PDB file of N, CA and C in Angstrom:
ATOM      1  N   MET A   1     -56.076  18.856  71.584  1.00  0.00           N
ATOM      2  CA  MET A   1     -55.549  17.570  71.142  1.00  0.00           C
ATOM      3  C   MET A   1     -56.607  16.503  71.394  1.00  0.00           C
ATOM      4  N   CYS A   2     -56.772  15.580  70.451  1.00  0.00           N
ATOM      5  CA  CYS A   2     -57.838  14.589  70.526  1.00  0.00           C
ATOM      6  C   CYS A   2     -57.370  13.237  71.041  1.00  0.00           C
ATOM      7  N   SER A   3     -56.110  13.028  71.222  1.00  0.00           N
ATOM      8  CA  SER A   3     -55.607  11.720  71.632  1.00  0.00           C
ATOM      9  C   SER A   3     -54.719  11.848  72.849  1.00  0.00           C
ATOM     10  N   MET A   4     -54.609  10.746  73.575  1.00  0.00           N
ATOM     11  CA  MET A   4     -53.668  10.659  74.684  1.00  0.00           C
ATOM     12  C   MET A   4     -52.659   9.594  74.329  1.00  0.00           C
ATOM     13  N   PHE A   5     -51.406   9.853  74.566  1.00  0.00           N
ATOM     14  CA  PHE A   5     -50.375   8.885  74.232  1.00  0.00           C
ATOM     15  C   PHE A   5     -49.555   8.546  75.447  1.00  0.00           C
ATOM     16  N   SER A   6     -49.137   7.288  75.519  1.00  0.00           N
ATOM     17  CA  SER A   6     -48.215   6.883  76.566  1.00  0.00           C
ATOM     18  C   SER A   6     -46.880   6.585  75.903  1.00  0.00           C
ATOM     19  N   ALA A   7     -45.944   6.074  76.659  1.00  0.00           N
ATOM     20  CA  ALA A   7     -44.638   5.736  76.112  1.00  0.00           C
ATOM     21  C   ALA A   7     -44.790   4.749  74.962  1.00  0.00           C
ATOM     22  N   SER A   8     -43.924   4.855  73.973  1.00  0.00           N
ATOM     23  CA  SER A   8     -44.026   3.978  72.804  1.00  0.00           C
ATOM     24  C   SER A   8     -43.744   2.531  73.193  1.00  0.00           C
ATOM     25  N   SER A   9     -44.286   1.639  72.376  1.00  0.00           N
ATOM     26  CA  SER A   9     -44.167   0.226  72.650  1.00  0.00           C
ATOM     27  C   SER A   9     -43.816  -0.510  71.386  1.00  0.00           C
ATOM     28  N   SER A  10     -43.075  -1.600  71.511  1.00  0.00           N
ATOM     29  CA  SER A  10     -42.728  -2.396  70.346  1.00  0.00           C
ATOM     30  C   SER A  10     -43.803  -3.439  70.063  1.00  0.00           C
ATOM     31  N   ARG A  11     -44.794  -3.551  70.931  1.00  0.00           N
ATOM     32  CA  ARG A  11     -45.853  -4.545  70.768  1.00  0.00           C
ATOM     33  C   ARG A  11     -46.968  -4.008  69.892  1.00  0.00           C
ATOM     34  N   THR A  12     -47.726  -4.903  69.326  1.00  0.00           N
ATOM     35  CA  THR A  12     -48.829  -4.547  68.449  1.00  0.00           C
ATOM     36  C   THR A  12     -50.001  -3.998  69.240  1.00  0.00           C
ATOM     37  N   LEU A  13     -50.526  -2.881  68.783  1.00  0.00           N
ATOM     38  CA  LEU A  13     -51.700  -2.289  69.403  1.00  0.00           C
ATOM     39  C   LEU A  13     -52.924  -2.734  68.630  1.00  0.00           C
ATOM     40  N   LYS A  14     -54.021  -2.969  69.355  1.00  0.00           N
ATOM     41  CA  LYS A  14     -55.271  -3.394  68.734  1.00  0.00           C
ATOM     42  C   LYS A  14     -56.406  -2.566  69.295  1.00  0.00           C
ATOM     43  N   PRO A  15     -57.402  -2.256  68.448  1.00  0.00           N
ATOM     44  CA  PRO A  15     -58.574  -1.569  68.985  1.00  0.00           C
ATOM     45  C   PRO A  15     -59.331  -2.484  69.939  1.00  0.00           C
ATOM     46  N   LEU A  16     -59.880  -1.922  70.970  1.00  0.00           N
ATOM     47  CA  LEU A  16     -60.640  -2.694  71.945  1.00  0.00           C
ATOM     48  C   LEU A  16     -61.732  -3.517  71.259  1.00  0.00           C
ATOM     49  N   SER A  17     -62.336  -2.978  70.237  1.00  0.00           N
ATOM     50  CA  SER A  17     -63.429  -3.652  69.528  1.00  0.00           C
ATOM     51  C   SER A  17     -63.001  -4.945  68.841  1.00  0.00           C
ATOM     52  N   SER A  18     -61.704  -5.121  68.598  1.00  0.00           N
ATOM     53  CA  SER A  18     -61.219  -6.313  67.891  1.00  0.00           C
ATOM     54  C   SER A  18     -60.827  -7.457  68.827  1.00  0.00           C
ATOM     55  N   LEU A  19     -60.855  -7.212  70.131  1.00  0.00           N
ATOM     56  CA  LEU A  19     -60.415  -8.224  71.088  1.00  0.00           C
ATOM     57  C   LEU A  19     -61.554  -9.163  71.469  1.00  0.00           C
ATOM     58  N   ALA A  20     -61.207 -10.409  71.726  1.00  0.00           N
ATOM     59  CA  ALA A  20     -62.191 -11.422  72.125  1.00  0.00           C
ATOM     60  C   ALA A  20     -62.485 -11.312  73.621  1.00  0.00           C
ATOM     61  N   ALA A  21     -63.659 -11.785  74.010  1.00  0.00           N
ATOM     62  CA  ALA A  21     -64.008 -11.835  75.431  1.00  0.00           C
ATOM     63  C   ALA A  21     -62.946 -12.644  76.175  1.00  0.00           C
ATOM     64  N   GLY A  22     -62.549 -12.156  77.334  1.00  0.00           N
ATOM     65  CA  GLY A  22     -61.532 -12.817  78.135  1.00  0.00           C
ATOM     66  C   GLY A  22     -60.135 -12.246  77.941  1.00  0.00           C
ATOM     67  N   THR A  23     -59.940 -11.462  76.878  1.00  0.00           N
ATOM     68  CA  THR A  23     -58.630 -10.871  76.615  1.00  0.00           C
ATOM     69  C   THR A  23     -58.303  -9.817  77.659  1.00  0.00           C
ATOM     70  N   ARG A  24     -57.054  -9.828  78.102  1.00  0.00           N
ATOM     71  CA  ARG A  24     -56.558  -8.827  79.052  1.00  0.00           C
ATOM     72  C   ARG A  24     -55.488  -7.998  78.361  1.00  0.00           C
ATOM     73  N   GLY A  25     -55.300  -6.799  78.850  1.00  0.00           N
ATOM     74  CA  GLY A  25     -54.273  -5.936  78.283  1.00  0.00           C
ATOM     75  C   GLY A  25     -54.201  -4.634  79.046  1.00  0.00           C
ATOM     76  N   MET A  26     -53.618  -3.637  78.369  1.00  0.00           N
ATOM     77  CA  MET A  26     -53.414  -2.331  78.975  1.00  0.00           C
ATOM     78  C   MET A  26     -53.786  -1.265  77.946  1.00  0.00           C
ATOM     79  N   VAL A  27     -54.483  -0.236  78.413  1.00  0.00           N
ATOM     80  CA  VAL A  27     -54.820   0.875  77.524  1.00  0.00           C
ATOM     81  C   VAL A  27     -53.526   1.561  77.105  1.00  0.00           C
ATOM     82  N   HIS A  28     -53.344   1.737  75.810  1.00  0.00           N
ATOM     83  CA  HIS A  28     -52.162   2.445  75.303  1.00  0.00           C
ATOM     84  C   HIS A  28     -52.501   3.912  75.086  1.00  0.00           C
ATOM     85  N   HIS A  29     -53.556   4.169  74.312  1.00  0.00           N
ATOM     86  CA  HIS A  29     -54.055   5.535  74.157  1.00  0.00           C
ATOM     87  C   HIS A  29     -55.459   5.533  73.573  1.00  0.00           C
ATOM     88  N   ILE A  30     -56.073   6.699  73.603  1.00  0.00           N
ATOM     89  CA  ILE A  30     -57.407   6.887  73.046  1.00  0.00           C
ATOM     90  C   ILE A  30     -57.256   7.723  71.788  1.00  0.00           C
ATOM     91  N   ALA A  31     -57.733   7.199  70.677  1.00  0.00           N
ATOM     92  CA  ALA A  31     -57.623   7.894  69.398  1.00  0.00           C
ATOM     93  C   ALA A  31     -58.987   8.447  68.992  1.00  0.00           C
ATOM     94  N   ALA A  32     -59.671   9.081  69.911  1.00  0.00           N
ATOM     95  CA  ALA A  32     -61.012   9.604  69.660  1.00  0.00           C
ATOM     96  C   ALA A  32     -60.942  10.830  68.762  1.00  0.00           C
ATOM     97  N   ARG A  33     -61.931  10.943  67.888  1.00  0.00           N
ATOM     98  CA  ARG A  33     -62.005  12.093  66.992  1.00  0.00           C
ATOM     99  C   ARG A  33     -62.296  13.376  67.758  1.00  0.00           C
ATOM    100  N   GLY A  34     -63.198  13.319  68.680  1.00  0.00           N
ATOM    101  CA  GLY A  34     -63.568  14.514  69.431  1.00  0.00           C
ATOM    102  C   GLY A  34     -62.961  14.525  70.815  1.00  0.00           C
ATOM    103  N   ALA A  35     -62.550  15.684  71.250  1.00  0.00           N
ATOM    104  CA  ALA A  35     -61.957  15.810  72.585  1.00  0.00           C
ATOM    105  C   ALA A  35     -62.958  15.430  73.668  1.00  0.00           C
ATOM    106  N   ASP A  36     -64.248  15.683  73.408  1.00  0.00           N
ATOM    107  CA  ASP A  36     -65.277  15.363  74.404  1.00  0.00           C
ATOM    108  C   ASP A  36     -65.305  13.872  74.715  1.00  0.00           C
ATOM    109  N   ARG A  37     -65.210  13.034  73.671  1.00  0.00           N
ATOM    110  CA  ARG A  37     -65.242  11.588  73.879  1.00  0.00           C
ATOM    111  C   ARG A  37     -64.016  11.137  74.667  1.00  0.00           C
ATOM    112  N   ALA A  38     -62.847  11.635  74.302  1.00  0.00           N
ATOM    113  CA  ALA A  38     -61.616  11.261  75.003  1.00  0.00           C
ATOM    114  C   ALA A  38     -61.681  11.694  76.466  1.00  0.00           C
ATOM    115  N   GLU A  39     -62.165  12.908  76.700  1.00  0.00           N
ATOM    116  CA  GLU A  39     -62.256  13.416  78.072  1.00  0.00           C
ATOM    117  C   GLU A  39     -63.248  12.602  78.897  1.00  0.00           C
ATOM    118  N   ARG A  40     -64.366  12.194  78.289  1.00  0.00           N
ATOM    119  CA  ARG A  40     -65.369  11.393  79.003  1.00  0.00           C
ATOM    120  C   ARG A  40     -64.793  10.036  79.387  1.00  0.00           C
ATOM    121  N   LEU A  41     -64.080   9.397  78.445  1.00  0.00           N
ATOM    122  CA  LEU A  41     -63.460   8.103  78.733  1.00  0.00           C
ATOM    123  C   LEU A  41     -62.418   8.242  79.842  1.00  0.00           C
ATOM    124  N   MET A  42     -61.628   9.312  79.784  1.00  0.00           N
ATOM    125  CA  MET A  42     -60.621   9.539  80.822  1.00  0.00           C
ATOM    126  C   MET A  42     -61.284   9.732  82.182  1.00  0.00           C
ATOM    127  N   ALA A  43     -62.400  10.452  82.218  1.00  0.00           N
ATOM    128  CA  ALA A  43     -63.114  10.676  83.477  1.00  0.00           C
ATOM    129  C   ALA A  43     -63.634   9.368  84.056  1.00  0.00           C
ATOM    130  N   LEU A  44     -63.892   8.380  83.188  1.00  0.00           N
ATOM    131  CA  LEU A  44     -64.363   7.068  83.636  1.00  0.00           C
ATOM    132  C   LEU A  44     -63.212   6.126  83.998  1.00  0.00           C
ATOM    133  N   GLY A  45     -61.970   6.604  83.854  1.00  0.00           N
ATOM    134  CA  GLY A  45     -60.817   5.793  84.227  1.00  0.00           C
ATOM    135  C   GLY A  45     -60.113   5.106  83.083  1.00  0.00           C
ATOM    136  N   VAL A  46     -60.559   5.346  81.848  1.00  0.00           N
ATOM    137  CA  VAL A  46     -59.911   4.740  80.684  1.00  0.00           C
ATOM    138  C   VAL A  46     -58.747   5.649  80.291  1.00  0.00           C
ATOM    139  N   THR A  47     -57.599   5.388  80.887  1.00  0.00           N
ATOM    140  CA  THR A  47     -56.413   6.210  80.671  1.00  0.00           C
ATOM    141  C   THR A  47     -55.231   5.326  80.300  1.00  0.00           C
ATOM    142  N   ALA A  48     -54.234   5.922  79.696  1.00  0.00           N
ATOM    143  CA  ALA A  48     -53.036   5.183  79.308  1.00  0.00           C
ATOM    144  C   ALA A  48     -52.460   4.462  80.522  1.00  0.00           C
ATOM    145  N   GLY A  49     -52.196   3.173  80.347  1.00  0.00           N
ATOM    146  CA  GLY A  49     -51.617   2.366  81.416  1.00  0.00           C
ATOM    147  C   GLY A  49     -52.633   1.616  82.254  1.00  0.00           C
ATOM    148  N   ALA A  50     -53.915   1.920  82.090  1.00  0.00           N
ATOM    149  CA  ALA A  50     -54.949   1.243  82.883  1.00  0.00           C
ATOM    150  C   ALA A  50     -55.127  -0.196  82.398  1.00  0.00           C
ATOM    151  N   PRO A  51     -55.225  -1.156  83.323  1.00  0.00           N
ATOM    152  CA  PRO A  51     -55.441  -2.550  82.923  1.00  0.00           C
ATOM    153  C   PRO A  51     -56.899  -2.758  82.487  1.00  0.00           C
ATOM    154  N   ILE A  52     -57.099  -3.595  81.458  1.00  0.00           N
ATOM    155  CA  ILE A  52     -58.451  -3.897  81.008  1.00  0.00           C
ATOM    156  C   ILE A  52     -58.634  -5.399  80.820  1.00  0.00           C
ATOM    157  N   GLN A  53     -59.887  -5.808  80.883  1.00  0.00           N
ATOM    158  CA  GLN A  53     -60.265  -7.179  80.552  1.00  0.00           C
ATOM    159  C   GLN A  53     -61.584  -7.098  79.802  1.00  0.00           C
ATOM    160  N   VAL A  54     -61.637  -7.707  78.620  1.00  0.00           N
ATOM    161  CA  VAL A  54     -62.862  -7.707  77.826  1.00  0.00           C
ATOM    162  C   VAL A  54     -63.811  -8.748  78.411  1.00  0.00           C
ATOM    163  N   LEU A  55     -65.049  -8.329  78.691  1.00  0.00           N
ATOM    164  CA  LEU A  55     -66.039  -9.229  79.269  1.00  0.00           C
ATOM    165  C   LEU A  55     -67.047  -9.718  78.232  1.00  0.00           C
ATOM    166  N   GLN A  56     -67.373  -8.871  77.260  1.00  0.00           N
ATOM    167  CA  GLN A  56     -68.402  -9.191  76.272  1.00  0.00           C
ATOM    168  C   GLN A  56     -68.133  -8.375  75.019  1.00  0.00           C
ATOM    169  N   THR A  57     -68.450  -8.929  73.834  1.00  0.00           N
ATOM    170  CA  THR A  57     -68.209  -8.199  72.594  1.00  0.00           C
ATOM    171  C   THR A  57     -69.451  -7.976  71.748  1.00  0.00           C
ATOM    172  N   PHE A  58     -70.590  -8.511  72.163  1.00  0.00           N
ATOM    173  CA  PHE A  58     -71.809  -8.330  71.389  1.00  0.00           C
ATOM    174  C   PHE A  58     -73.007  -8.254  72.322  1.00  0.00           C
ATOM    175  N   PRO A  59     -73.917  -7.340  72.134  1.00  0.00           N
ATOM    176  CA  PRO A  59     -74.043  -6.393  71.035  1.00  0.00           C
ATOM    177  C   PRO A  59     -73.141  -5.170  71.197  1.00  0.00           C
ATOM    178  N   GLY A  60     -72.793  -4.817  72.416  1.00  0.00           N
ATOM    179  CA  GLY A  60     -71.826  -3.743  72.659  1.00  0.00           C
ATOM    180  C   GLY A  60     -70.590  -4.350  73.274  1.00  0.00           C
ATOM    181  N   VAL A  61     -69.569  -3.537  73.459  1.00  0.00           N
ATOM    182  CA  VAL A  61     -68.328  -4.016  74.073  1.00  0.00           C
ATOM    183  C   VAL A  61     -68.377  -3.674  75.560  1.00  0.00           C
ATOM    184  N   VAL A  62     -68.301  -4.717  76.387  1.00  0.00           N
ATOM    185  CA  VAL A  62     -68.307  -4.548  77.839  1.00  0.00           C
ATOM    186  C   VAL A  62     -66.927  -4.949  78.332  1.00  0.00           C
ATOM    187  N   PHE A  63     -66.321  -4.077  79.132  1.00  0.00           N
ATOM    188  CA  PHE A  63     -64.979  -4.373  79.611  1.00  0.00           C
ATOM    189  C   PHE A  63     -64.782  -3.836  81.020  1.00  0.00           C
ATOM    190  N   LEU A  64     -63.837  -4.429  81.696  1.00  0.00           N
ATOM    191  CA  LEU A  64     -63.444  -4.011  83.029  1.00  0.00           C
ATOM    192  C   LEU A  64     -62.181  -3.185  82.874  1.00  0.00           C
ATOM    193  N   CYS A  65     -62.221  -1.947  83.323  1.00  0.00           N
ATOM    194  CA  CYS A  65     -61.047  -1.074  83.250  1.00  0.00           C
ATOM    195  C   CYS A  65     -60.689  -0.698  84.680  1.00  0.00           C
ATOM    196  N   ASP A  66     -59.551  -1.192  85.109  1.00  0.00           N
ATOM    197  CA  ASP A  66     -59.134  -1.072  86.492  1.00  0.00           C
ATOM    198  C   ASP A  66     -60.194  -1.791  87.322  1.00  0.00           C
ATOM    199  N   GLN A  67     -61.067  -1.116  88.019  1.00  0.00           N
ATOM    200  CA  GLN A  67     -62.112  -1.798  88.803  1.00  0.00           C
ATOM    201  C   GLN A  67     -63.502  -1.336  88.400  1.00  0.00           C
ATOM    202  N   THR A  68     -63.624  -0.746  87.213  1.00  0.00           N
ATOM    203  CA  THR A  68     -64.892  -0.225  86.735  1.00  0.00           C
ATOM    204  C   THR A  68     -65.361  -1.001  85.515  1.00  0.00           C
ATOM    205  N   GLU A  69     -66.592  -1.503  85.552  1.00  0.00           N
ATOM    206  CA  GLU A  69     -67.160  -2.199  84.400  1.00  0.00           C
ATOM    207  C   GLU A  69     -67.858  -1.169  83.517  1.00  0.00           C
ATOM    208  N   LEU A  70     -67.480  -1.147  82.236  1.00  0.00           N
ATOM    209  CA  LEU A  70     -68.012  -0.173  81.291  1.00  0.00           C
ATOM    210  C   LEU A  70     -68.580  -0.876  80.073  1.00  0.00           C
ATOM    211  N   ALA A  71     -69.626  -0.293  79.490  1.00  0.00           N
ATOM    212  CA  ALA A  71     -70.202  -0.784  78.238  1.00  0.00           C
ATOM    213  C   ALA A  71     -70.184   0.374  77.252  1.00  0.00           C
ATOM    214  N   VAL A  72     -69.611   0.132  76.067  1.00  0.00           N
ATOM    215  CA  VAL A  72     -69.520   1.184  75.057  1.00  0.00           C
ATOM    216  C   VAL A  72     -69.960   0.648  73.698  1.00  0.00           C
ATOM    217  N   GLU A  73     -70.359   1.557  72.832  1.00  0.00           N
ATOM    218  CA  GLU A  73     -70.690   1.197  71.455  1.00  0.00           C
ATOM    219  C   GLU A  73     -69.410   0.791  70.730  1.00  0.00           C
ATOM    220  N   ARG A  74     -69.569   0.029  69.674  1.00  0.00           N
ATOM    221  CA  ARG A  74     -68.416  -0.443  68.908  1.00  0.00           C
ATOM    222  C   ARG A  74     -67.566   0.719  68.384  1.00  0.00           C
ATOM    223  N   ALA A  75     -68.211   1.812  67.956  1.00  0.00           N
ATOM    224  CA  ALA A  75     -67.457   2.967  67.440  1.00  0.00           C
ATOM    225  C   ALA A  75     -66.553   3.565  68.512  1.00  0.00           C
ATOM    226  N   VAL A  76     -67.011   3.575  69.750  1.00  0.00           N
ATOM    227  CA  VAL A  76     -66.183   4.076  70.858  1.00  0.00           C
ATOM    228  C   VAL A  76     -65.039   3.096  71.130  1.00  0.00           C
ATOM    229  N   ALA A  77     -65.358   1.799  71.119  1.00  0.00           N
ATOM    230  CA  ALA A  77     -64.331   0.775  71.365  1.00  0.00           C
ATOM    231  C   ALA A  77     -63.256   0.796  70.277  1.00  0.00           C
ATOM    232  N   ASP A  78     -63.620   1.205  69.064  1.00  0.00           N
ATOM    233  CA  ASP A  78     -62.642   1.318  67.973  1.00  0.00           C
ATOM    234  C   ASP A  78     -61.556   2.343  68.301  1.00  0.00           C
ATOM    235  N   ALA A  79     -61.904   3.352  69.086  1.00  0.00           N
ATOM    236  CA  ALA A  79     -60.980   4.445  69.395  1.00  0.00           C
ATOM    237  C   ALA A  79     -60.070   4.164  70.586  1.00  0.00           C
ATOM    238  N   ILE A  80     -60.316   3.073  71.307  1.00  0.00           N
ATOM    239  CA  ILE A  80     -59.497   2.735  72.481  1.00  0.00           C
ATOM    240  C   ILE A  80     -58.468   1.699  72.045  1.00  0.00           C
ATOM    241  N   LEU A  81     -57.217   2.096  71.994  1.00  0.00           N
ATOM    242  CA  LEU A  81     -56.159   1.194  71.544  1.00  0.00           C
ATOM    243  C   LEU A  81     -55.513   0.492  72.732  1.00  0.00           C
ATOM    244  N   ILE A  82     -55.423  -0.811  72.598  1.00  0.00           N
ATOM    245  CA  ILE A  82     -54.979  -1.688  73.684  1.00  0.00           C
ATOM    246  C   ILE A  82     -53.701  -2.412  73.309  1.00  0.00           C
ATOM    247  N   GLU A  83     -52.834  -2.566  74.289  1.00  0.00           N
ATOM    248  CA  GLU A  83     -51.654  -3.422  74.152  1.00  0.00           C
ATOM    249  C   GLU A  83     -52.026  -4.735  74.853  1.00  0.00           C
ATOM    250  N   PRO A  84     -52.370  -5.786  74.070  1.00  0.00           N
ATOM    251  CA  PRO A  84     -52.778  -7.045  74.691  1.00  0.00           C
ATOM    252  C   PRO A  84     -51.672  -7.638  75.546  1.00  0.00           C
ATOM    253  N   ALA A  85     -52.072  -8.317  76.619  1.00  0.00           N
ATOM    254  CA  ALA A  85     -51.104  -8.984  77.492  1.00  0.00           C
ATOM    255  C   ALA A  85     -50.572 -10.233  76.793  1.00  0.00           C
ATOM    256  N   GLU A  86     -49.353 -10.573  77.102  1.00  0.00           N
ATOM    257  CA  GLU A  86     -48.786 -11.814  76.565  1.00  0.00           C
ATOM    258  C   GLU A  86     -49.483 -12.989  77.228  1.00  0.00           C
ATOM    259  N   GLU A  87     -49.726 -14.015  76.443  1.00  0.00           N
ATOM    260  CA  GLU A  87     -50.423 -15.174  77.004  1.00  0.00           C
ATOM    261  C   GLU A  87     -49.506 -16.331  77.211  1.00  0.00           C
TER     262      GLU A  87
END
């Protein structure tokens, strides 16, 4: 299986790559094409329910996931679906 899913939500999910710097939210699931990419992200702590905060969006996407700062290519960020926090 290439994706991880958490409990369903009535809120809108957005790819990490579409969020502005400063946005906070929660990882909903990883929709990676390859199992290797999903497993690598999970090993780094990017799992369903993990809190995130976007730190930078260009040239790559830099975000804080739980207590780990990560930088990923835009294609990887496209596969990480986030439930943005209410503001």
